[in-house]
Amino acid sequence: MPTPKPQHRVRGSASGRPIMVLLDLLGRRMTLRILWELRDQRLTFRALQEAAETNPSVLNVRLKELREAHLVALADDGYGLTAHGKDLLQTFLPLNAWADGWARLWDGKRR
């Protein structure tokens, strides 16, 4: 599956609108986990594989896509988020806080 790019058709949308392209990319297996593991530090391939608990094949594909999307970059000390990748994660922080509050609604309701 090719790396989703704005102005190109993606799964679930023929429009190529940037938000649809981003959601397609983020919805791919392990993408969010990889971004999350890189939120505070650069990691080598092996360290990222261990932290994300994934196999090397999936990790290779996702890193290729994330690099092409300008969200992750490779340097001598490993993989890390680009400025765009950091900005994207900053937009997730309020969503993460909202999800934590939402999860509290379920506390005590489990059977």
PDB file of N, CA and C in Angstrom:
ATOM      1  N   MET A   1       0.851  -1.170   0.000  1.00  0.00           N
ATOM      2  CA  MET A   1       0.000   0.000   0.000  1.00  0.00           C
ATOM      3  C   MET A   1       0.900   1.238   0.000  1.00  0.00           C
ATOM      4  N   PRO A   2       0.703   2.159  -0.929  1.00  0.00           N
ATOM      5  CA  PRO A   2       1.576   3.333  -0.992  1.00  0.00           C
ATOM      6  C   PRO A   2       1.323   4.296   0.160  1.00  0.00           C
ATOM      7  N   THR A   3       2.307   5.131   0.428  1.00  0.00           N
ATOM      8  CA  THR A   3       2.172   6.147   1.464  1.00  0.00           C
ATOM      9  C   THR A   3       1.100   7.138   1.044  1.00  0.00           C
ATOM     10  N   PRO A   4       0.120   7.400   1.914  1.00  0.00           N
ATOM     11  CA  PRO A   4      -0.925   8.358   1.554  1.00  0.00           C
ATOM     12  C   PRO A   4      -0.351   9.765   1.407  1.00  0.00           C
ATOM     13  N   LYS A   5      -0.829  10.469   0.387  1.00  0.00           N
ATOM     14  CA  LYS A   5      -0.368  11.828   0.124  1.00  0.00           C
ATOM     15  C   LYS A   5      -1.573  12.715  -0.164  1.00  0.00           C
ATOM     16  N   PRO A   6      -1.557  13.966   0.341  1.00  0.00           N
ATOM     17  CA  PRO A   6      -2.660  14.881   0.042  1.00  0.00           C
ATOM     18  C   PRO A   6      -2.877  15.000  -1.468  1.00  0.00           C
ATOM     19  N   GLN A   7      -4.123  15.212  -1.814  1.00  0.00           N
ATOM     20  CA  GLN A   7      -4.572  15.342  -3.197  1.00  0.00           C
ATOM     21  C   GLN A   7      -4.596  14.013  -3.950  1.00  0.00           C
ATOM     22  N   HIS A   8      -4.421  12.907  -3.239  1.00  0.00           N
ATOM     23  CA  HIS A   8      -4.508  11.569  -3.829  1.00  0.00           C
ATOM     24  C   HIS A   8      -5.571  10.769  -3.085  1.00  0.00           C
ATOM     25  N   ARG A   9      -6.249   9.933  -3.798  1.00  0.00           N
ATOM     26  CA  ARG A   9      -7.278   9.066  -3.210  1.00  0.00           C
ATOM     27  C   ARG A   9      -6.659   8.188  -2.122  1.00  0.00           C
ATOM     28  N   VAL A  10      -7.412   8.003  -1.037  1.00  0.00           N
ATOM     29  CA  VAL A  10      -6.999   7.120   0.056  1.00  0.00           C
ATOM     30  C   VAL A  10      -8.171   6.225   0.411  1.00  0.00           C
ATOM     31  N   ARG A  11      -7.907   5.241   1.255  1.00  0.00           N
ATOM     32  CA  ARG A  11      -8.973   4.356   1.712  1.00  0.00           C
ATOM     33  C   ARG A  11     -10.088   5.182   2.338  1.00  0.00           C
ATOM     34  N   GLY A  12     -11.286   4.967   1.893  1.00  0.00           N
ATOM     35  CA  GLY A  12     -12.434   5.642   2.473  1.00  0.00           C
ATOM     36  C   GLY A  12     -12.701   7.039   1.959  1.00  0.00           C
ATOM     37  N   SER A  13     -11.859   7.560   1.065  1.00  0.00           N
ATOM     38  CA  SER A  13     -12.073   8.910   0.556  1.00  0.00           C
ATOM     39  C   SER A  13     -11.415   9.081  -0.808  1.00  0.00           C
ATOM     40  N   ALA A  14     -12.197   9.537  -1.739  1.00  0.00           N
ATOM     41  CA  ALA A  14     -11.663   9.816  -3.075  1.00  0.00           C
ATOM     42  C   ALA A  14     -11.212  11.266  -3.203  1.00  0.00           C
ATOM     43  N   SER A  15     -11.502  12.093  -2.187  1.00  0.00           N
ATOM     44  CA  SER A  15     -11.246  13.531  -2.284  1.00  0.00           C
ATOM     45  C   SER A  15      -9.771  13.903  -2.197  1.00  0.00           C
ATOM     46  N   GLY A  16      -8.987  13.131  -1.452  1.00  0.00           N
ATOM     47  CA  GLY A  16      -7.593  13.485  -1.235  1.00  0.00           C
ATOM     48  C   GLY A  16      -7.419  14.651  -0.278  1.00  0.00           C
ATOM     49  N   ARG A  17      -8.481  15.005   0.435  1.00  0.00           N
ATOM     50  CA  ARG A  17      -8.370  16.092   1.408  1.00  0.00           C
ATOM     51  C   ARG A  17      -7.328  15.728   2.452  1.00  0.00           C
ATOM     52  N   PRO A  18      -6.528  16.707   2.862  1.00  0.00           N
ATOM     53  CA  PRO A  18      -5.445  16.418   3.808  1.00  0.00           C
ATOM     54  C   PRO A  18      -5.896  15.682   5.072  1.00  0.00           C
ATOM     55  N   ILE A  19      -7.041  16.054   5.647  1.00  0.00           N
ATOM     56  CA  ILE A  19      -7.481  15.381   6.877  1.00  0.00           C
ATOM     57  C   ILE A  19      -7.774  13.911   6.611  1.00  0.00           C
ATOM     58  N   MET A  20      -8.351  13.602   5.455  1.00  0.00           N
ATOM     59  CA  MET A  20      -8.657  12.214   5.122  1.00  0.00           C
ATOM     60  C   MET A  20      -7.370  11.414   4.900  1.00  0.00           C
ATOM     61  N   VAL A  21      -6.407  12.047   4.276  1.00  0.00           N
ATOM     62  CA  VAL A  21      -5.119  11.391   4.041  1.00  0.00           C
ATOM     63  C   VAL A  21      -4.422  11.127   5.372  1.00  0.00           C
ATOM     64  N   LEU A  22      -4.438  12.115   6.257  1.00  0.00           N
ATOM     65  CA  LEU A  22      -3.822  11.945   7.574  1.00  0.00           C
ATOM     66  C   LEU A  22      -4.503  10.831   8.354  1.00  0.00           C
ATOM     67  N   LEU A  23      -5.830  10.806   8.350  1.00  0.00           N
ATOM     68  CA  LEU A  23      -6.540   9.753   9.080  1.00  0.00           C
ATOM     69  C   LEU A  23      -6.243   8.377   8.506  1.00  0.00           C
ATOM     70  N   ASP A  24      -6.074   8.285   7.201  1.00  0.00           N
ATOM     71  CA  ASP A  24      -5.694   7.002   6.603  1.00  0.00           C
ATOM     72  C   ASP A  24      -4.322   6.573   7.117  1.00  0.00           C
ATOM     73  N   LEU A  25      -3.371   7.489   7.104  1.00  0.00           N
ATOM     74  CA  LEU A  25      -2.027   7.165   7.584  1.00  0.00           C
ATOM     75  C   LEU A  25      -2.039   6.781   9.060  1.00  0.00           C
ATOM     76  N   LEU A  26      -2.714   7.568   9.877  1.00  0.00           N
ATOM     77  CA  LEU A  26      -2.732   7.309  11.320  1.00  0.00           C
ATOM     78  C   LEU A  26      -3.499   6.043  11.676  1.00  0.00           C
ATOM     79  N   GLY A  27      -4.408   5.633  10.812  1.00  0.00           N
ATOM     80  CA  GLY A  27      -5.197   4.435  11.070  1.00  0.00           C
ATOM     81  C   GLY A  27      -4.496   3.144  10.709  1.00  0.00           C
ATOM     82  N   ARG A  28      -3.341   3.243  10.129  1.00  0.00           N
ATOM     83  CA  ARG A  28      -2.603   2.033   9.766  1.00  0.00           C
ATOM     84  C   ARG A  28      -1.979   1.402  11.005  1.00  0.00           C
ATOM     85  N   ARG A  29      -1.922   0.085  10.956  1.00  0.00           N
ATOM     86  CA  ARG A  29      -1.417  -0.701  12.086  1.00  0.00           C
ATOM     87  C   ARG A  29      -0.070  -0.180  12.588  1.00  0.00           C
ATOM     88  N   MET A  30       0.010   0.106  13.857  1.00  0.00           N
ATOM     89  CA  MET A  30       1.211   0.505  14.599  1.00  0.00           C
ATOM     90  C   MET A  30       1.657   1.950  14.369  1.00  0.00           C
ATOM     91  N   THR A  31       1.010   2.697  13.504  1.00  0.00           N
ATOM     92  CA  THR A  31       1.464   4.061  13.232  1.00  0.00           C
ATOM     93  C   THR A  31       1.406   4.931  14.481  1.00  0.00           C
ATOM     94  N   LEU A  32       0.263   4.949  15.139  1.00  0.00           N
ATOM     95  CA  LEU A  32       0.145   5.784  16.337  1.00  0.00           C
ATOM     96  C   LEU A  32       1.093   5.328  17.440  1.00  0.00           C
ATOM     97  N   ARG A  33       1.270   4.037  17.561  1.00  0.00           N
ATOM     98  CA  ARG A  33       2.175   3.517  18.600  1.00  0.00           C
ATOM     99  C   ARG A  33       3.601   3.978  18.341  1.00  0.00           C
ATOM    100  N   ILE A  34       4.028   3.946  17.098  1.00  0.00           N
ATOM    101  CA  ILE A  34       5.386   4.388  16.752  1.00  0.00           C
ATOM    102  C   ILE A  34       5.553   5.865  17.071  1.00  0.00           C
ATOM    103  N   LEU A  35       4.596   6.675  16.662  1.00  0.00           N
ATOM    104  CA  LEU A  35       4.674   8.105  16.965  1.00  0.00           C
ATOM    105  C   LEU A  35       4.714   8.344  18.471  1.00  0.00           C
ATOM    106  N   TRP A  36       3.898   7.602  19.197  1.00  0.00           N
ATOM    107  CA  TRP A  36       3.850   7.768  20.659  1.00  0.00           C
ATOM    108  C   TRP A  36       5.179   7.399  21.296  1.00  0.00           C
ATOM    109  N   GLU A  37       5.789   6.323  20.851  1.00  0.00           N
ATOM    110  CA  GLU A  37       7.062   5.890  21.438  1.00  0.00           C
ATOM    111  C   GLU A  37       8.186   6.883  21.144  1.00  0.00           C
ATOM    112  N   LEU A  38       8.050   7.656  20.091  1.00  0.00           N
ATOM    113  CA  LEU A  38       9.080   8.643  19.737  1.00  0.00           C
ATOM    114  C   LEU A  38       8.791  10.021  20.324  1.00  0.00           C
ATOM    115  N   ARG A  39       7.749  10.145  21.135  1.00  0.00           N
ATOM    116  CA  ARG A  39       7.309  11.451  21.618  1.00  0.00           C
ATOM    117  C   ARG A  39       8.363  12.180  22.448  1.00  0.00           C
ATOM    118  N   ASP A  40       9.174  11.455  23.210  1.00  0.00           N
ATOM    119  CA  ASP A  40      10.124  12.101  24.115  1.00  0.00           C
ATOM    120  C   ASP A  40      11.583  11.809  23.809  1.00  0.00           C
ATOM    121  N   GLN A  41      11.828  10.957  22.844  1.00  0.00           N
ATOM    122  CA  GLN A  41      13.219  10.533  22.613  1.00  0.00           C
ATOM    123  C   GLN A  41      13.402   9.954  21.223  1.00  0.00           C
ATOM    124  N   ARG A  42      14.656   9.949  20.802  1.00  0.00           N
ATOM    125  CA  ARG A  42      15.033   9.267  19.566  1.00  0.00           C
ATOM    126  C   ARG A  42      15.319   7.813  19.930  1.00  0.00           C
ATOM    127  N   LEU A  43      15.000   6.911  19.047  1.00  0.00           N
ATOM    128  CA  LEU A  43      15.234   5.493  19.301  1.00  0.00           C
ATOM    129  C   LEU A  43      15.849   4.825  18.079  1.00  0.00           C
ATOM    130  N   THR A  44      16.757   3.890  18.340  1.00  0.00           N
ATOM    131  CA  THR A  44      17.278   3.072  17.253  1.00  0.00           C
ATOM    132  C   THR A  44      16.160   2.146  16.771  1.00  0.00           C
ATOM    133  N   PHE A  45      16.387   1.525  15.637  1.00  0.00           N
ATOM    134  CA  PHE A  45      15.370   0.622  15.097  1.00  0.00           C
ATOM    135  C   PHE A  45      15.030  -0.461  16.110  1.00  0.00           C
ATOM    136  N   ARG A  46      16.043  -1.090  16.668  1.00  0.00           N
ATOM    137  CA  ARG A  46      15.792  -2.183  17.631  1.00  0.00           C
ATOM    138  C   ARG A  46      15.078  -1.699  18.889  1.00  0.00           C
ATOM    139  N   ALA A  47      15.496  -0.545  19.385  1.00  0.00           N
ATOM    140  CA  ALA A  47      14.842  -0.005  20.587  1.00  0.00           C
ATOM    141  C   ALA A  47      13.388   0.360  20.293  1.00  0.00           C
ATOM    142  N   LEU A  48      13.137   0.911  19.111  1.00  0.00           N
ATOM    143  CA  LEU A  48      11.771   1.257  18.735  1.00  0.00           C
ATOM    144  C   LEU A  48      10.935   0.000  18.523  1.00  0.00           C
ATOM    145  N   GLN A  49      11.525  -1.014  17.929  1.00  0.00           N
ATOM    146  CA  GLN A  49      10.815  -2.284  17.747  1.00  0.00           C
ATOM    147  C   GLN A  49      10.399  -2.861  19.096  1.00  0.00           C
ATOM    148  N   GLU A  50      11.303  -2.821  20.050  1.00  0.00           N
ATOM    149  CA  GLU A  50      10.997  -3.344  21.386  1.00  0.00           C
ATOM    150  C   GLU A  50       9.948  -2.489  22.094  1.00  0.00           C
ATOM    151  N   ALA A  51      10.115  -1.163  22.024  1.00  0.00           N
ATOM    152  CA  ALA A  51       9.176  -0.265  22.707  1.00  0.00           C
ATOM    153  C   ALA A  51       7.770  -0.372  22.118  1.00  0.00           C
ATOM    154  N   ALA A  52       7.680  -0.487  20.808  1.00  0.00           N
ATOM    155  CA  ALA A  52       6.376  -0.553  20.136  1.00  0.00           C
ATOM    156  C   ALA A  52       5.799  -1.964  20.116  1.00  0.00           C
ATOM    157  N   GLU A  53       6.601  -2.935  20.526  1.00  0.00           N
ATOM    158  CA  GLU A  53       6.165  -4.331  20.561  1.00  0.00           C
ATOM    159  C   GLU A  53       5.611  -4.771  19.209  1.00  0.00           C
ATOM    160  N   THR A  54       6.427  -4.585  18.177  1.00  0.00           N
ATOM    161  CA  THR A  54       6.017  -4.964  16.823  1.00  0.00           C
ATOM    162  C   THR A  54       7.132  -5.731  16.144  1.00  0.00           C
ATOM    163  N   ASN A  55       6.832  -6.243  14.972  1.00  0.00           N
ATOM    164  CA  ASN A  55       7.845  -7.009  14.251  1.00  0.00           C
ATOM    165  C   ASN A  55       8.592  -6.101  13.279  1.00  0.00           C
ATOM    166  N   PRO A  56       9.784  -6.509  12.855  1.00  0.00           N
ATOM    167  CA  PRO A  56      10.600  -5.639  12.011  1.00  0.00           C
ATOM    168  C   PRO A  56       9.969  -5.325  10.658  1.00  0.00           C
ATOM    169  N   SER A  57       9.192  -6.238  10.127  1.00  0.00           N
ATOM    170  CA  SER A  57       8.567  -6.004   8.830  1.00  0.00           C
ATOM    171  C   SER A  57       7.566  -4.852   8.896  1.00  0.00           C
ATOM    172  N   VAL A  58       6.673  -4.901   9.868  1.00  0.00           N
ATOM    173  CA  VAL A  58       5.677  -3.830  10.034  1.00  0.00           C
ATOM    174  C   VAL A  58       6.382  -2.524  10.357  1.00  0.00           C
ATOM    175  N   LEU A  59       7.363  -2.560  11.232  1.00  0.00           N
ATOM    176  CA  LEU A  59       8.081  -1.351  11.618  1.00  0.00           C
ATOM    177  C   LEU A  59       8.766  -0.712  10.413  1.00  0.00           C
ATOM    178  N   ASN A  60       9.406  -1.508   9.583  1.00  0.00           N
ATOM    179  CA  ASN A  60      10.063  -0.978   8.383  1.00  0.00           C
ATOM    180  C   ASN A  60       9.085  -0.258   7.474  1.00  0.00           C
ATOM    181  N   VAL A  61       7.940  -0.861   7.234  1.00  0.00           N
ATOM    182  CA  VAL A  61       6.935  -0.256   6.357  1.00  0.00           C
ATOM    183  C   VAL A  61       6.422   1.047   6.947  1.00  0.00           C
ATOM    184  N   ARG A  62       6.084   1.028   8.229  1.00  0.00           N
ATOM    185  CA  ARG A  62       5.544   2.230   8.860  1.00  0.00           C
ATOM    186  C   ARG A  62       6.579   3.349   8.931  1.00  0.00           C
ATOM    187  N   LEU A  63       7.817   3.013   9.234  1.00  0.00           N
ATOM    188  CA  LEU A  63       8.849   4.047   9.268  1.00  0.00           C
ATOM    189  C   LEU A  63       9.052   4.661   7.890  1.00  0.00           C
ATOM    190  N   LYS A  64       8.990   3.860   6.863  1.00  0.00           N
ATOM    191  CA  LYS A  64       9.104   4.380   5.493  1.00  0.00           C
ATOM    192  C   LYS A  64       7.975   5.363   5.217  1.00  0.00           C
ATOM    193  N   GLU A  65       6.754   4.984   5.579  1.00  0.00           N
ATOM    194  CA  GLU A  65       5.605   5.862   5.360  1.00  0.00           C
ATOM    195  C   GLU A  65       5.718   7.145   6.178  1.00  0.00           C
ATOM    196  N   LEU A  66       6.111   7.021   7.438  1.00  0.00           N
ATOM    197  CA  LEU A  66       6.214   8.188   8.305  1.00  0.00           C
ATOM    198  C   LEU A  66       7.340   9.122   7.875  1.00  0.00           C
ATOM    199  N   ARG A  67       8.401   8.558   7.336  1.00  0.00           N
ATOM    200  CA  ARG A  67       9.480   9.401   6.811  1.00  0.00           C
ATOM    201  C   ARG A  67       9.021  10.121   5.548  1.00  0.00           C
ATOM    202  N   GLU A  68       8.326   9.416   4.656  1.00  0.00           N
ATOM    203  CA  GLU A  68       7.807  10.043   3.443  1.00  0.00           C
ATOM    204  C   GLU A  68       6.779  11.119   3.772  1.00  0.00           C
ATOM    205  N   ALA A  69       6.055  10.946   4.875  1.00  0.00           N
ATOM    206  CA  ALA A  69       5.049  11.915   5.308  1.00  0.00           C
ATOM    207  C   ALA A  69       5.671  13.080   6.095  1.00  0.00           C
ATOM    208  N   HIS A  70       6.981  13.061   6.272  1.00  0.00           N
ATOM    209  CA  HIS A  70       7.712  14.122   6.979  1.00  0.00           C
ATOM    210  C   HIS A  70       7.327  14.224   8.450  1.00  0.00           C
ATOM    211  N   LEU A  71       6.984  13.085   9.047  1.00  0.00           N
ATOM    212  CA  LEU A  71       6.651  13.056  10.470  1.00  0.00           C
ATOM    213  C   LEU A  71       7.782  12.465  11.298  1.00  0.00           C
ATOM    214  N   VAL A  72       8.603  11.631  10.703  1.00  0.00           N
ATOM    215  CA  VAL A  72       9.724  10.965  11.373  1.00  0.00           C
ATOM    216  C   VAL A  72      10.963  11.131  10.502  1.00  0.00           C
ATOM    217  N   ALA A  73      12.097  11.289  11.149  1.00  0.00           N
ATOM    218  CA  ALA A  73      13.377  11.391  10.440  1.00  0.00           C
ATOM    219  C   ALA A  73      14.383  10.449  11.087  1.00  0.00           C
ATOM    220  N   LEU A  74      15.350  10.019  10.302  1.00  0.00           N
ATOM    221  CA  LEU A  74      16.429   9.169  10.795  1.00  0.00           C
ATOM    222  C   LEU A  74      17.706   9.990  10.882  1.00  0.00           C
ATOM    223  N   ALA A  75      18.368   9.906  12.037  1.00  0.00           N
ATOM    224  CA  ALA A  75      19.655  10.565  12.249  1.00  0.00           C
ATOM    225  C   ALA A  75      20.633   9.521  12.766  1.00  0.00           C
ATOM    226  N   ASP A  76      21.850   9.935  13.027  1.00  0.00           N
ATOM    227  CA  ASP A  76      22.869   9.006  13.508  1.00  0.00           C
ATOM    228  C   ASP A  76      22.473   8.309  14.800  1.00  0.00           C
ATOM    229  N   ASP A  77      21.695   8.999  15.641  1.00  0.00           N
ATOM    230  CA  ASP A  77      21.313   8.420  16.936  1.00  0.00           C
ATOM    231  C   ASP A  77      19.942   7.751  16.916  1.00  0.00           C
ATOM    232  N   GLY A  78      19.363   7.570  15.753  1.00  0.00           N
ATOM    233  CA  GLY A  78      18.109   6.839  15.643  1.00  0.00           C
ATOM    234  C   GLY A  78      16.987   7.649  15.033  1.00  0.00           C
ATOM    235  N   TYR A  79      15.788   7.122  15.194  1.00  0.00           N
ATOM    236  CA  TYR A  79      14.584   7.744  14.644  1.00  0.00           C
ATOM    237  C   TYR A  79      14.014   8.737  15.651  1.00  0.00           C
ATOM    238  N   GLY A  80      13.482   9.819  15.123  1.00  0.00           N
ATOM    239  CA  GLY A  80      12.850  10.819  15.977  1.00  0.00           C
ATOM    240  C   GLY A  80      11.790  11.564  15.199  1.00  0.00           C
ATOM    241  N   LEU A  81      10.983  12.292  15.923  1.00  0.00           N
ATOM    242  CA  LEU A  81       9.936  13.076  15.294  1.00  0.00           C
ATOM    243  C   LEU A  81      10.524  14.321  14.646  1.00  0.00           C
ATOM    244  N   THR A  82       9.982  14.692  13.513  1.00  0.00           N
ATOM    245  CA  THR A  82      10.323  15.965  12.884  1.00  0.00           C
ATOM    246  C   THR A  82       9.519  17.063  13.585  1.00  0.00           C
ATOM    247  N   ALA A  83       9.725  18.289  13.186  1.00  0.00           N
ATOM    248  CA  ALA A  83       8.925  19.385  13.740  1.00  0.00           C
ATOM    249  C   ALA A  83       7.439  19.149  13.456  1.00  0.00           C
ATOM    250  N   HIS A  84       7.115  18.675  12.256  1.00  0.00           N
ATOM    251  CA  HIS A  84       5.711  18.374  11.930  1.00  0.00           C
ATOM    252  C   HIS A  84       5.193  17.228  12.785  1.00  0.00           C
ATOM    253  N   GLY A  85       6.017  16.225  13.029  1.00  0.00           N
ATOM    254  CA  GLY A  85       5.620  15.109  13.877  1.00  0.00           C
ATOM    255  C   GLY A  85       5.350  15.558  15.303  1.00  0.00           C
ATOM    256  N   LYS A  86       6.187  16.450  15.816  1.00  0.00           N
ATOM    257  CA  LYS A  86       5.990  16.989  17.176  1.00  0.00           C
ATOM    258  C   LYS A  86       4.716  17.822  17.237  1.00  0.00           C
ATOM    259  N   ASP A  87       4.484  18.623  16.207  1.00  0.00           N
ATOM    260  CA  ASP A  87       3.248  19.414  16.166  1.00  0.00           C
ATOM    261  C   ASP A  87       2.023  18.511  16.159  1.00  0.00           C
ATOM    262  N   LEU A  88       2.088  17.433  15.395  1.00  0.00           N
ATOM    263  CA  LEU A  88       0.970  16.496  15.336  1.00  0.00           C
ATOM    264  C   LEU A  88       0.696  15.901  16.711  1.00  0.00           C
ATOM    265  N   LEU A  89       1.745  15.468  17.402  1.00  0.00           N
ATOM    266  CA  LEU A  89       1.539  14.897  18.733  1.00  0.00           C
ATOM    267  C   LEU A  89       0.986  15.923  19.712  1.00  0.00           C
ATOM    268  N   GLN A  90       1.375  17.177  19.572  1.00  0.00           N
ATOM    269  CA  GLN A  90       0.818  18.215  20.436  1.00  0.00           C
ATOM    270  C   GLN A  90      -0.694  18.337  20.250  1.00  0.00           C
ATOM    271  N   THR A  91      -1.166  18.094  19.043  1.00  0.00           N
ATOM    272  CA  THR A  91      -2.611  18.155  18.813  1.00  0.00           C
ATOM    273  C   THR A  91      -3.322  16.978  19.457  1.00  0.00           C
ATOM    274  N   PHE A  92      -2.606  15.892  19.714  1.00  0.00           N
ATOM    275  CA  PHE A  92      -3.200  14.711  20.349  1.00  0.00           C
ATOM    276  C   PHE A  92      -3.317  14.846  21.855  1.00  0.00           C
ATOM    277  N   LEU A  93      -2.535  15.705  22.478  1.00  0.00           N
ATOM    278  CA  LEU A  93      -2.543  15.794  23.937  1.00  0.00           C
ATOM    279  C   LEU A  93      -3.920  16.142  24.498  1.00  0.00           C
ATOM    280  N   PRO A  94      -4.646  17.115  23.937  1.00  0.00           N
ATOM    281  CA  PRO A  94      -5.998  17.352  24.444  1.00  0.00           C
ATOM    282  C   PRO A  94      -6.924  16.149  24.210  1.00  0.00           C
ATOM    283  N   LEU A  95      -6.764  15.477  23.110  1.00  0.00           N
ATOM    284  CA  LEU A  95      -7.569  14.287  22.840  1.00  0.00           C
ATOM    285  C   LEU A  95      -7.249  13.189  23.849  1.00  0.00           C
ATOM    286  N   ASN A  96      -5.982  13.052  24.198  1.00  0.00           N
ATOM    287  CA  ASN A  96      -5.572  12.069  25.204  1.00  0.00           C
ATOM    288  C   ASN A  96      -6.194  12.406  26.560  1.00  0.00           C
ATOM    289  N   ALA A  97      -6.180  13.685  26.929  1.00  0.00           N
ATOM    290  CA  ALA A  97      -6.789  14.100  28.196  1.00  0.00           C
ATOM    291  C   ALA A  97      -8.294  13.830  28.172  1.00  0.00           C
ATOM    292  N   TRP A  98      -8.935  14.126  27.050  1.00  0.00           N
ATOM    293  CA  TRP A  98     -10.359  13.854  26.926  1.00  0.00           C
ATOM    294  C   TRP A  98     -10.631  12.361  27.084  1.00  0.00           C
ATOM    295  N   ALA A  99      -9.818  11.529  26.437  1.00  0.00           N
ATOM    296  CA  ALA A  99     -10.006  10.074  26.508  1.00  0.00           C
ATOM    297  C   ALA A  99      -9.829   9.563  27.934  1.00  0.00           C
ATOM    298  N   ASP A 100      -8.889  10.147  28.682  1.00  0.00           N
ATOM    299  CA  ASP A 100      -8.716   9.746  30.087  1.00  0.00           C
ATOM    300  C   ASP A 100      -9.976  10.047  30.892  1.00  0.00           C
ATOM    301  N   GLY A 101     -10.568  11.218  30.673  1.00  0.00           N
ATOM    302  CA  GLY A 101     -11.804  11.560  31.358  1.00  0.00           C
ATOM    303  C   GLY A 101     -12.948  10.656  30.939  1.00  0.00           C
ATOM    304  N   TRP A 102     -13.016  10.353  29.687  1.00  0.00           N
ATOM    305  CA  TRP A 102     -14.048   9.459  29.164  1.00  0.00           C
ATOM    306  C   TRP A 102     -13.907   8.067  29.776  1.00  0.00           C
ATOM    307  N   ALA A 103     -12.671   7.602  29.908  1.00  0.00           N
ATOM    308  CA  ALA A 103     -12.430   6.276  30.480  1.00  0.00           C
ATOM    309  C   ALA A 103     -12.909   6.216  31.928  1.00  0.00           C
ATOM    310  N   ARG A 104     -12.799   7.340  32.641  1.00  0.00           N
ATOM    311  CA  ARG A 104     -13.260   7.357  34.037  1.00  0.00           C
ATOM    312  C   ARG A 104     -14.767   7.134  34.136  1.00  0.00           C
ATOM    313  N   LEU A 105     -15.497   7.473  33.088  1.00  0.00           N
ATOM    314  CA  LEU A 105     -16.947   7.219  33.082  1.00  0.00           C
ATOM    315  C   LEU A 105     -17.240   5.722  33.169  1.00  0.00           C
ATOM    316  N   TRP A 106     -16.314   4.930  32.702  1.00  0.00           N
ATOM    317  CA  TRP A 106     -16.499   3.472  32.684  1.00  0.00           C
ATOM    318  C   TRP A 106     -16.082   2.821  33.979  1.00  0.00           C
ATOM    319  N   ASP A 107     -15.303   3.515  34.811  1.00  0.00           N
ATOM    320  CA  ASP A 107     -14.878   2.954  36.089  1.00  0.00           C
ATOM    321  C   ASP A 107     -16.101   2.580  36.927  1.00  0.00           C
ATOM    322  N   GLY A 108     -16.112   1.387  37.433  1.00  0.00           N
ATOM    323  CA  GLY A 108     -17.208   0.931  38.251  1.00  0.00           C
ATOM    324  C   GLY A 108     -18.399   0.395  37.474  1.00  0.00           C
ATOM    325  N   LYS A 109     -18.392   0.566  36.160  1.00  0.00           N
ATOM    326  CA  LYS A 109     -19.497   0.083  35.335  1.00  0.00           C
ATOM    327  C   LYS A 109     -19.195  -1.240  34.674  1.00  0.00           C
ATOM    328  N   ARG A 110     -18.012  -1.731  34.919  1.00  0.00           N
ATOM    329  CA  ARG A 110     -17.616  -3.020  34.316  1.00  0.00           C
ATOM    330  C   ARG A 110     -18.275  -4.159  35.073  1.00  0.00           C
ATOM    331  N   ARG A 111     -18.676  -5.164  34.360  1.00  0.00           N
ATOM    332  CA  ARG A 111     -19.306  -6.329  35.012  1.00  0.00           C
ATOM    333  C   ARG A 111     -18.509  -7.553  34.742  1.00  0.00           C
TER     334      ARG A 111
END
